Amino acid sequence: MSMRLISERQDRKRELGPWLRYGASSAAVTAAALAGASAVDADSAWYRSLRKPLWQPPSRVFGAVWTPLYATIAYAAGHALGTAQERRQRTRLATSLAVNLTLNAGCNWLFFGLRSPKAGLAGTVLLNLSNAELIHRTDQTDPAAARTLLPYAAWCAFATALSRAIARQNSGPGQPA
């Protein structure tokens, strides 16, 4: 009787594993998304006064793109954490994800919160470095999950190019930057 109970508990633990991994990664990604979004004010007089490149997408595109990207980050993290064989590997992957999500949210605070395109650009450059590290670390554990992160990295590279263009166009005397 006791062996059956132990076996049932172990089965329940295995069943909860994915729920916990995907739940935790989804919660972390959601928290980062909300923290970053809370800094954005695309309707502010300051932001509207900035000169922007002609190729900048309309504001509504950003939400439409970020939503599925955040979903892929949560999926990739939950999946990769489940395939990590060692605790040390899981810890490093979770730490890499935490740093990445902090930088992700921080970019908006640097740009909109500080009202500084240059600070926002610095944040996106750091985020790109973090993306490379996160993809590398994820690839060591789960190559399929790492490939899932590539659109996220590509969008962040686009955001860096956009930030660079905005910073350049607004860096002269009398500019809002």
N, C-alpha and C. Protein backbone atom coordinates (compact mmCIF):
# COMPACT_ATOMS: atom_id res chain seq x y z
N MET A 1 0.82 -1.19 0.00
CA MET A 1 0.00 0.00 0.00
C MET A 1 0.86 1.26 0.00
N SER A 2 1.90 1.31 0.82
CA SER A 2 2.73 2.52 0.88
C SER A 2 3.52 2.73 -0.40
N MET A 3 3.96 1.67 -1.06
CA MET A 3 4.67 1.81 -2.33
C MET A 3 3.76 2.43 -3.39
N ARG A 4 2.50 2.08 -3.34
CA ARG A 4 1.55 2.64 -4.31
C ARG A 4 1.38 4.14 -4.08
N LEU A 5 1.30 4.55 -2.81
CA LEU A 5 1.15 5.97 -2.50
C LEU A 5 2.38 6.76 -2.93
N ILE A 6 3.57 6.21 -2.70
CA ILE A 6 4.80 6.89 -3.11
C ILE A 6 4.83 7.02 -4.63
N SER A 7 4.47 5.95 -5.32
CA SER A 7 4.44 5.98 -6.78
C SER A 7 3.44 7.01 -7.30
N GLU A 8 2.27 7.09 -6.67
CA GLU A 8 1.25 8.06 -7.08
C GLU A 8 1.74 9.49 -6.85
N ARG A 9 2.43 9.73 -5.74
CA ARG A 9 2.96 11.06 -5.47
C ARG A 9 4.02 11.45 -6.50
N GLN A 10 4.88 10.48 -6.86
CA GLN A 10 5.90 10.77 -7.87
C GLN A 10 5.25 11.07 -9.21
N ASP A 11 4.19 10.34 -9.56
CA ASP A 11 3.48 10.61 -10.81
C ASP A 11 2.87 11.99 -10.79
N ARG A 12 2.28 12.38 -9.65
CA ARG A 12 1.69 13.72 -9.54
C ARG A 12 2.76 14.79 -9.68
N LYS A 13 3.93 14.55 -9.10
CA LYS A 13 5.03 15.52 -9.22
C LYS A 13 5.42 15.70 -10.68
N ARG A 14 5.51 14.59 -11.43
CA ARG A 14 5.85 14.67 -12.84
C ARG A 14 4.77 15.42 -13.61
N GLU A 15 3.51 15.19 -13.25
CA GLU A 15 2.41 15.88 -13.92
C GLU A 15 2.43 17.37 -13.63
N LEU A 16 2.78 17.76 -12.42
CA LEU A 16 2.82 19.17 -12.06
C LEU A 16 4.04 19.87 -12.64
N GLY A 17 5.10 19.12 -12.90
CA GLY A 17 6.33 19.72 -13.41
C GLY A 17 6.10 20.67 -14.56
N PRO A 18 5.45 20.20 -15.64
CA PRO A 18 5.22 21.11 -16.76
C PRO A 18 4.34 22.30 -16.38
N TRP A 19 3.33 22.06 -15.56
CA TRP A 19 2.46 23.16 -15.14
C TRP A 19 3.25 24.22 -14.38
N LEU A 20 4.11 23.75 -13.51
CA LEU A 20 4.92 24.70 -12.74
C LEU A 20 5.91 25.44 -13.63
N ARG A 21 6.59 24.72 -14.51
CA ARG A 21 7.58 25.35 -15.41
C ARG A 21 6.92 26.38 -16.32
N TYR A 22 5.88 25.94 -17.00
CA TYR A 22 5.21 26.86 -17.93
C TYR A 22 4.48 27.97 -17.19
N GLY A 23 3.94 27.66 -16.04
CA GLY A 23 3.27 28.69 -15.24
C GLY A 23 4.24 29.73 -14.74
N ALA A 24 5.39 29.27 -14.24
CA ALA A 24 6.40 30.21 -13.73
C ALA A 24 6.98 31.06 -14.86
N SER A 25 7.27 30.42 -15.98
CA SER A 25 7.82 31.21 -17.09
C SER A 25 6.78 32.18 -17.63
N SER A 26 5.53 31.76 -17.70
CA SER A 26 4.46 32.66 -18.17
C SER A 26 4.27 33.83 -17.21
N ALA A 27 4.32 33.54 -15.91
CA ALA A 27 4.18 34.61 -14.92
C ALA A 27 5.33 35.61 -15.01
N ALA A 28 6.54 35.10 -15.19
CA ALA A 28 7.71 35.99 -15.29
C ALA A 28 7.62 36.86 -16.55
N VAL A 29 7.24 36.24 -17.66
CA VAL A 29 7.13 36.99 -18.91
C VAL A 29 6.00 38.03 -18.81
N THR A 30 4.89 37.64 -18.23
CA THR A 30 3.77 38.57 -18.07
C THR A 30 4.16 39.75 -17.18
N ALA A 31 4.87 39.47 -16.10
CA ALA A 31 5.31 40.55 -15.21
C ALA A 31 6.23 41.52 -15.96
N ALA A 32 7.16 40.98 -16.75
CA ALA A 32 8.06 41.84 -17.52
C ALA A 32 7.29 42.66 -18.55
N ALA A 33 6.35 42.02 -19.22
CA ALA A 33 5.55 42.73 -20.23
C ALA A 33 4.76 43.87 -19.60
N LEU A 34 4.13 43.60 -18.47
CA LEU A 34 3.35 44.64 -17.79
C LEU A 34 4.24 45.76 -17.26
N ALA A 35 5.38 45.38 -16.70
CA ALA A 35 6.31 46.39 -16.17
C ALA A 35 6.82 47.28 -17.30
N GLY A 36 7.18 46.68 -18.42
CA GLY A 36 7.66 47.47 -19.54
C GLY A 36 6.57 48.34 -20.16
N ALA A 37 5.38 47.76 -20.31
CA ALA A 37 4.27 48.49 -20.92
C ALA A 37 3.84 49.68 -20.06
N SER A 38 4.01 49.57 -18.76
CA SER A 38 3.57 50.65 -17.89
C SER A 38 4.40 51.92 -18.08
N ALA A 39 5.58 51.79 -18.69
CA ALA A 39 6.42 52.98 -18.94
C ALA A 39 6.07 53.67 -20.26
N VAL A 40 5.43 52.94 -21.17
CA VAL A 40 5.19 53.46 -22.52
C VAL A 40 4.05 54.48 -22.51
N ASP A 41 4.33 55.62 -23.10
CA ASP A 41 3.29 56.63 -23.30
C ASP A 41 3.50 57.23 -24.70
N ALA A 42 3.00 56.49 -25.70
CA ALA A 42 3.18 56.91 -27.08
C ALA A 42 2.35 58.14 -27.42
N ASP A 43 1.43 58.52 -26.54
CA ASP A 43 0.60 59.71 -26.77
C ASP A 43 1.13 60.96 -26.06
N SER A 44 2.24 60.83 -25.36
CA SER A 44 2.76 61.99 -24.63
C SER A 44 3.26 63.04 -25.61
N ALA A 45 3.23 64.28 -25.16
CA ALA A 45 3.73 65.38 -25.98
C ALA A 45 5.21 65.18 -26.28
N TRP A 46 5.95 64.67 -25.30
CA TRP A 46 7.38 64.43 -25.52
C TRP A 46 7.59 63.44 -26.65
N TYR A 47 6.93 62.31 -26.60
CA TYR A 47 7.13 61.29 -27.63
C TYR A 47 6.66 61.79 -29.00
N ARG A 48 5.53 62.44 -29.03
CA ARG A 48 5.02 62.96 -30.30
C ARG A 48 5.96 64.00 -30.91
N SER A 49 6.71 64.71 -30.04
CA SER A 49 7.61 65.75 -30.56
C SER A 49 8.90 65.17 -31.15
N LEU A 50 9.19 63.93 -30.88
CA LEU A 50 10.40 63.32 -31.42
C LEU A 50 10.29 63.12 -32.93
N ARG A 51 11.41 63.33 -33.60
CA ARG A 51 11.47 62.98 -35.02
C ARG A 51 11.72 61.48 -35.10
N LYS A 52 10.95 60.82 -35.97
CA LYS A 52 11.05 59.37 -36.11
C LYS A 52 11.26 59.01 -37.57
N PRO A 53 11.92 57.89 -37.83
CA PRO A 53 12.15 57.50 -39.22
C PRO A 53 10.83 57.14 -39.91
N LEU A 54 10.81 57.30 -41.20
CA LEU A 54 9.60 57.00 -41.98
C LEU A 54 9.22 55.52 -41.89
N TRP A 55 10.19 54.66 -41.64
CA TRP A 55 9.95 53.22 -41.59
C TRP A 55 9.48 52.72 -40.22
N GLN A 56 9.26 53.63 -39.28
CA GLN A 56 8.74 53.20 -37.97
C GLN A 56 7.30 52.72 -38.14
N PRO A 57 6.98 51.54 -37.62
CA PRO A 57 5.60 51.05 -37.71
C PRO A 57 4.67 51.89 -36.83
N PRO A 58 3.37 51.88 -37.12
CA PRO A 58 2.41 52.56 -36.25
C PRO A 58 2.43 51.93 -34.85
N SER A 59 2.05 52.70 -33.85
CA SER A 59 2.09 52.23 -32.45
C SER A 59 1.34 50.93 -32.25
N ARG A 60 0.20 50.75 -32.91
CA ARG A 60 -0.61 49.54 -32.70
C ARG A 60 0.13 48.26 -33.13
N VAL A 61 1.10 48.38 -34.02
CA VAL A 61 1.85 47.21 -34.49
C VAL A 61 2.68 46.62 -33.35
N PHE A 62 3.19 47.48 -32.47
CA PHE A 62 4.06 46.99 -31.41
C PHE A 62 3.34 45.99 -30.50
N GLY A 63 2.12 46.31 -30.09
CA GLY A 63 1.36 45.37 -29.26
C GLY A 63 1.04 44.09 -30.00
N ALA A 64 0.72 44.22 -31.29
CA ALA A 64 0.40 43.05 -32.09
C ALA A 64 1.61 42.13 -32.26
N VAL A 65 2.80 42.70 -32.29
CA VAL A 65 4.01 41.89 -32.44
C VAL A 65 4.47 41.34 -31.09
N TRP A 66 4.45 42.18 -30.06
CA TRP A 66 4.98 41.74 -28.77
C TRP A 66 4.15 40.62 -28.14
N THR A 67 2.87 40.61 -28.33
CA THR A 67 2.04 39.58 -27.69
C THR A 67 2.49 38.17 -28.07
N PRO A 68 2.57 37.82 -29.35
CA PRO A 68 3.05 36.46 -29.66
C PRO A 68 4.51 36.24 -29.31
N LEU A 69 5.33 37.30 -29.37
CA LEU A 69 6.73 37.12 -28.98
C LEU A 69 6.85 36.76 -27.51
N TYR A 70 6.07 37.44 -26.67
CA TYR A 70 6.10 37.09 -25.24
C TYR A 70 5.62 35.65 -25.03
N ALA A 71 4.63 35.23 -25.79
CA ALA A 71 4.16 33.84 -25.67
C ALA A 71 5.27 32.86 -26.05
N THR A 72 6.04 33.18 -27.08
CA THR A 72 7.12 32.26 -27.47
C THR A 72 8.24 32.24 -26.43
N ILE A 73 8.49 33.38 -25.79
CA ILE A 73 9.51 33.39 -24.73
C ILE A 73 9.07 32.48 -23.58
N ALA A 74 7.81 32.59 -23.17
CA ALA A 74 7.30 31.76 -22.08
C ALA A 74 7.35 30.28 -22.47
N TYR A 75 6.96 29.98 -23.69
CA TYR A 75 6.99 28.59 -24.14
C TYR A 75 8.43 28.06 -24.15
N ALA A 76 9.34 28.82 -24.77
CA ALA A 76 10.73 28.37 -24.88
C ALA A 76 11.35 28.17 -23.50
N ALA A 77 11.08 29.09 -22.59
CA ALA A 77 11.65 28.96 -21.24
C ALA A 77 11.08 27.73 -20.53
N GLY A 78 9.77 27.57 -20.56
CA GLY A 78 9.16 26.41 -19.90
C GLY A 78 9.66 25.10 -20.49
N HIS A 79 9.79 25.06 -21.80
CA HIS A 79 10.24 23.84 -22.47
C HIS A 79 11.70 23.54 -22.15
N ALA A 80 12.55 24.56 -22.28
CA ALA A 80 13.98 24.36 -22.04
C ALA A 80 14.27 24.01 -20.58
N LEU A 81 13.55 24.61 -19.66
CA LEU A 81 13.75 24.28 -18.24
C LEU A 81 13.38 22.83 -17.97
N GLY A 82 12.42 22.32 -18.73
CA GLY A 82 12.02 20.91 -18.57
C GLY A 82 13.00 19.93 -19.18
N THR A 83 13.80 20.37 -20.13
CA THR A 83 14.75 19.46 -20.76
C THR A 83 16.14 19.55 -20.14
N ALA A 84 16.36 20.55 -19.31
CA ALA A 84 17.68 20.67 -18.65
C ALA A 84 17.91 19.46 -17.76
N GLN A 85 19.07 18.86 -17.90
CA GLN A 85 19.37 17.62 -17.18
C GLN A 85 19.92 17.87 -15.78
N GLU A 86 20.57 18.98 -15.59
CA GLU A 86 21.20 19.26 -14.30
C GLU A 86 20.60 20.49 -13.65
N ARG A 87 20.62 20.49 -12.34
CA ARG A 87 20.10 21.65 -11.59
C ARG A 87 20.88 22.91 -11.93
N ARG A 88 22.19 22.77 -12.04
CA ARG A 88 23.05 23.91 -12.36
C ARG A 88 22.67 24.51 -13.72
N GLN A 89 22.37 23.65 -14.69
CA GLN A 89 21.96 24.10 -16.02
C GLN A 89 20.63 24.84 -15.96
N ARG A 90 19.68 24.31 -15.18
CA ARG A 90 18.38 24.97 -15.01
C ARG A 90 18.54 26.32 -14.33
N THR A 91 19.39 26.39 -13.32
CA THR A 91 19.62 27.64 -12.60
C THR A 91 20.21 28.70 -13.52
N ARG A 92 21.19 28.32 -14.32
CA ARG A 92 21.81 29.28 -15.24
C ARG A 92 20.81 29.74 -16.30
N LEU A 93 20.00 28.82 -16.79
CA LEU A 93 18.99 29.18 -17.78
C LEU A 93 17.95 30.13 -17.17
N ALA A 94 17.50 29.82 -15.96
CA ALA A 94 16.52 30.68 -15.29
C ALA A 94 17.11 32.06 -15.00
N THR A 95 18.37 32.10 -14.62
CA THR A 95 19.04 33.39 -14.36
C THR A 95 19.16 34.19 -15.66
N SER A 96 19.54 33.53 -16.73
CA SER A 96 19.64 34.20 -18.03
C SER A 96 18.30 34.77 -18.45
N LEU A 97 17.24 34.00 -18.24
CA LEU A 97 15.90 34.48 -18.57
C LEU A 97 15.52 35.68 -17.71
N ALA A 98 15.81 35.61 -16.41
CA ALA A 98 15.47 36.71 -15.51
C ALA A 98 16.19 38.01 -15.91
N VAL A 99 17.47 37.90 -16.23
CA VAL A 99 18.23 39.07 -16.68
C VAL A 99 17.62 39.61 -17.96
N ASN A 100 17.30 38.71 -18.90
CA ASN A 100 16.74 39.13 -20.17
C ASN A 100 15.41 39.85 -20.00
N LEU A 101 14.54 39.30 -19.17
CA LEU A 101 13.24 39.93 -18.96
C LEU A 101 13.36 41.27 -18.24
N THR A 102 14.33 41.38 -17.35
CA THR A 102 14.57 42.66 -16.67
C THR A 102 15.04 43.71 -17.68
N LEU A 103 15.95 43.32 -18.56
CA LEU A 103 16.41 44.26 -19.59
C LEU A 103 15.27 44.58 -20.56
N ASN A 104 14.46 43.59 -20.87
CA ASN A 104 13.32 43.80 -21.77
C ASN A 104 12.41 44.89 -21.23
N ALA A 105 12.01 44.76 -19.98
CA ALA A 105 11.15 45.77 -19.36
C ALA A 105 11.89 47.10 -19.19
N GLY A 106 13.16 47.01 -18.86
CA GLY A 106 13.95 48.21 -18.61
C GLY A 106 14.13 49.11 -19.81
N CYS A 107 14.14 48.55 -21.01
CA CYS A 107 14.32 49.37 -22.22
C CYS A 107 13.25 50.45 -22.31
N ASN A 108 12.02 50.09 -22.02
CA ASN A 108 10.95 51.08 -22.08
C ASN A 108 11.11 52.16 -21.02
N TRP A 109 11.57 51.77 -19.86
CA TRP A 109 11.79 52.74 -18.79
C TRP A 109 12.93 53.68 -19.13
N LEU A 110 13.97 53.14 -19.78
CA LEU A 110 15.08 53.99 -20.18
C LEU A 110 14.65 54.99 -21.25
N PHE A 111 13.87 54.53 -22.22
CA PHE A 111 13.44 55.40 -23.31
C PHE A 111 12.34 56.35 -22.85
N PHE A 112 11.21 55.80 -22.39
CA PHE A 112 10.07 56.65 -22.04
C PHE A 112 10.18 57.24 -20.63
N GLY A 113 10.60 56.43 -19.67
CA GLY A 113 10.69 56.91 -18.29
C GLY A 113 11.70 58.02 -18.13
N LEU A 114 12.87 57.83 -18.74
CA LEU A 114 13.90 58.88 -18.68
C LEU A 114 13.75 59.90 -19.80
N ARG A 115 12.83 59.61 -20.71
CA ARG A 115 12.65 60.46 -21.90
C ARG A 115 13.98 60.66 -22.61
N SER A 116 14.64 59.52 -22.85
CA SER A 116 15.97 59.56 -23.43
C SER A 116 16.13 58.49 -24.50
N PRO A 117 16.06 58.88 -25.77
CA PRO A 117 16.32 57.91 -26.83
C PRO A 117 17.71 57.27 -26.73
N LYS A 118 18.70 58.03 -26.26
CA LYS A 118 20.05 57.46 -26.12
C LYS A 118 20.08 56.37 -25.05
N ALA A 119 19.42 56.62 -23.92
CA ALA A 119 19.36 55.60 -22.88
C ALA A 119 18.58 54.38 -23.38
N GLY A 120 17.50 54.62 -24.11
CA GLY A 120 16.73 53.53 -24.68
C GLY A 120 17.57 52.70 -25.65
N LEU A 121 18.39 53.37 -26.44
CA LEU A 121 19.28 52.67 -27.36
C LEU A 121 20.27 51.80 -26.59
N ALA A 122 20.85 52.36 -25.54
CA ALA A 122 21.78 51.58 -24.72
C ALA A 122 21.08 50.34 -24.16
N GLY A 123 19.84 50.52 -23.72
CA GLY A 123 19.08 49.38 -23.19
C GLY A 123 18.83 48.31 -24.23
N THR A 124 18.51 48.72 -25.46
CA THR A 124 18.25 47.72 -26.50
C THR A 124 19.53 47.00 -26.91
N VAL A 125 20.66 47.70 -26.88
CA VAL A 125 21.94 47.04 -27.18
C VAL A 125 22.22 45.97 -26.11
N LEU A 126 22.03 46.32 -24.85
CA LEU A 126 22.21 45.33 -23.78
C LEU A 126 21.23 44.17 -23.92
N LEU A 127 20.00 44.47 -24.31
CA LEU A 127 19.00 43.41 -24.51
C LEU A 127 19.43 42.48 -25.63
N ASN A 128 20.00 43.02 -26.70
CA ASN A 128 20.49 42.16 -27.79
C ASN A 128 21.59 41.22 -27.31
N LEU A 129 22.50 41.74 -26.50
CA LEU A 129 23.56 40.89 -25.94
C LEU A 129 22.95 39.80 -25.05
N SER A 130 21.97 40.19 -24.26
CA SER A 130 21.29 39.23 -23.40
C SER A 130 20.53 38.19 -24.23
N ASN A 131 19.92 38.62 -25.34
CA ASN A 131 19.24 37.67 -26.21
C ASN A 131 20.20 36.63 -26.76
N ALA A 132 21.37 37.07 -27.18
CA ALA A 132 22.37 36.14 -27.70
C ALA A 132 22.77 35.13 -26.63
N GLU A 133 22.96 35.62 -25.42
CA GLU A 133 23.34 34.73 -24.32
C GLU A 133 22.21 33.77 -23.97
N LEU A 134 20.98 34.28 -23.94
CA LEU A 134 19.82 33.43 -23.63
C LEU A 134 19.63 32.36 -24.71
N ILE A 135 19.76 32.73 -25.95
CA ILE A 135 19.62 31.75 -27.03
C ILE A 135 20.73 30.71 -26.96
N HIS A 136 21.95 31.15 -26.70
CA HIS A 136 23.08 30.21 -26.57
C HIS A 136 22.84 29.24 -25.42
N ARG A 137 22.45 29.77 -24.28
CA ARG A 137 22.22 28.91 -23.11
C ARG A 137 21.04 27.96 -23.35
N THR A 138 19.99 28.47 -23.98
CA THR A 138 18.83 27.64 -24.28
C THR A 138 19.21 26.54 -25.28
N ASP A 139 20.03 26.88 -26.25
CA ASP A 139 20.46 25.91 -27.26
C ASP A 139 21.23 24.75 -26.63
N GLN A 140 21.97 25.01 -25.58
CA GLN A 140 22.71 23.95 -24.90
C GLN A 140 21.77 22.93 -24.27
N THR A 141 20.58 23.38 -23.92
CA THR A 141 19.59 22.53 -23.26
C THR A 141 18.57 21.99 -24.24
N ASP A 142 18.09 22.87 -25.14
CA ASP A 142 16.95 22.53 -25.99
C ASP A 142 17.04 23.33 -27.29
N PRO A 143 17.69 22.79 -28.33
CA PRO A 143 17.85 23.53 -29.58
C PRO A 143 16.53 23.99 -30.20
N ALA A 144 15.48 23.21 -30.09
CA ALA A 144 14.19 23.62 -30.65
C ALA A 144 13.65 24.85 -29.92
N ALA A 145 13.78 24.89 -28.62
CA ALA A 145 13.34 26.07 -27.85
C ALA A 145 14.19 27.28 -28.21
N ALA A 146 15.48 27.07 -28.45
CA ALA A 146 16.36 28.19 -28.84
C ALA A 146 15.90 28.77 -30.17
N ARG A 147 15.53 27.93 -31.12
CA ARG A 147 15.04 28.43 -32.41
C ARG A 147 13.74 29.22 -32.25
N THR A 148 12.95 28.85 -31.26
CA THR A 148 11.70 29.57 -30.99
C THR A 148 11.98 31.01 -30.58
N LEU A 149 13.14 31.27 -30.01
CA LEU A 149 13.51 32.62 -29.55
C LEU A 149 14.06 33.51 -30.67
N LEU A 150 14.32 32.96 -31.84
CA LEU A 150 14.92 33.76 -32.91
C LEU A 150 14.05 34.92 -33.38
N PRO A 151 12.72 34.77 -33.53
CA PRO A 151 11.92 35.95 -33.90
C PRO A 151 11.98 37.06 -32.85
N TYR A 152 12.04 36.69 -31.59
CA TYR A 152 12.19 37.67 -30.51
C TYR A 152 13.49 38.44 -30.68
N ALA A 153 14.58 37.72 -30.92
CA ALA A 153 15.87 38.38 -31.11
C ALA A 153 15.85 39.28 -32.34
N ALA A 154 15.20 38.82 -33.40
CA ALA A 154 15.12 39.63 -34.62
C ALA A 154 14.33 40.91 -34.38
N TRP A 155 13.22 40.80 -33.65
CA TRP A 155 12.42 42.00 -33.37
C TRP A 155 13.20 42.97 -32.48
N CYS A 156 13.94 42.45 -31.53
CA CYS A 156 14.75 43.31 -30.67
C CYS A 156 15.85 44.00 -31.47
N ALA A 157 16.42 43.31 -32.45
CA ALA A 157 17.42 43.93 -33.33
C ALA A 157 16.77 45.06 -34.13
N PHE A 158 15.55 44.82 -34.60
CA PHE A 158 14.81 45.88 -35.30
C PHE A 158 14.57 47.06 -34.35
N ALA A 159 14.19 46.77 -33.11
CA ALA A 159 13.95 47.83 -32.12
C ALA A 159 15.23 48.63 -31.87
N THR A 160 16.36 47.97 -31.91
CA THR A 160 17.64 48.66 -31.73
C THR A 160 17.91 49.60 -32.90
N ALA A 161 17.65 49.13 -34.11
CA ALA A 161 17.83 49.99 -35.28
C ALA A 161 16.89 51.19 -35.21
N LEU A 162 15.67 50.95 -34.78
CA LEU A 162 14.70 52.04 -34.63
C LEU A 162 15.15 53.02 -33.55
N SER A 163 15.58 52.51 -32.42
CA SER A 163 16.08 53.37 -31.34
C SER A 163 17.27 54.19 -31.79
N ARG A 164 18.15 53.56 -32.54
CA ARG A 164 19.33 54.28 -33.05
C ARG A 164 18.90 55.41 -33.97
N ALA A 165 17.95 55.14 -34.86
CA ALA A 165 17.49 56.18 -35.78
C ALA A 165 16.83 57.33 -35.02
N ILE A 166 16.03 57.01 -34.03
CA ILE A 166 15.37 58.06 -33.24
C ILE A 166 16.40 58.86 -32.45
N ALA A 167 17.36 58.17 -31.85
CA ALA A 167 18.40 58.88 -31.09
C ALA A 167 19.21 59.80 -32.00
N ARG A 168 19.55 59.34 -33.19
CA ARG A 168 20.32 60.16 -34.13
C ARG A 168 19.53 61.36 -34.61
N GLN A 169 18.26 61.14 -34.91
CA GLN A 169 17.43 62.24 -35.44
C GLN A 169 17.09 63.28 -34.38
N ASN A 170 17.30 62.95 -33.12
CA ASN A 170 16.92 63.86 -32.04
C ASN A 170 18.08 64.21 -31.13
N SER A 171 19.31 64.18 -31.66
CA SER A 171 20.48 64.43 -30.80
C SER A 171 21.08 65.81 -30.93
N GLY A 172 20.56 66.61 -31.83
CA GLY A 172 21.12 67.95 -32.01
C GLY A 172 20.65 68.93 -30.97
N PRO A 173 21.20 70.15 -31.01
CA PRO A 173 20.78 71.19 -30.07
C PRO A 173 19.28 71.52 -30.27
N GLY A 174 18.59 71.71 -29.17
CA GLY A 174 17.19 72.07 -29.24
C GLY A 174 16.25 70.90 -29.51
N GLN A 175 16.80 69.69 -29.51
CA GLN A 175 15.99 68.51 -29.78
C GLN A 175 15.46 67.95 -28.46
N PRO A 176 14.32 67.23 -28.51
CA PRO A 176 13.73 66.71 -27.28
C PRO A 176 14.53 65.60 -26.61
N ALA A 177 15.53 65.03 -27.28
CA ALA A 177 16.31 63.94 -26.70
C ALA A 177 17.15 64.48 -25.56
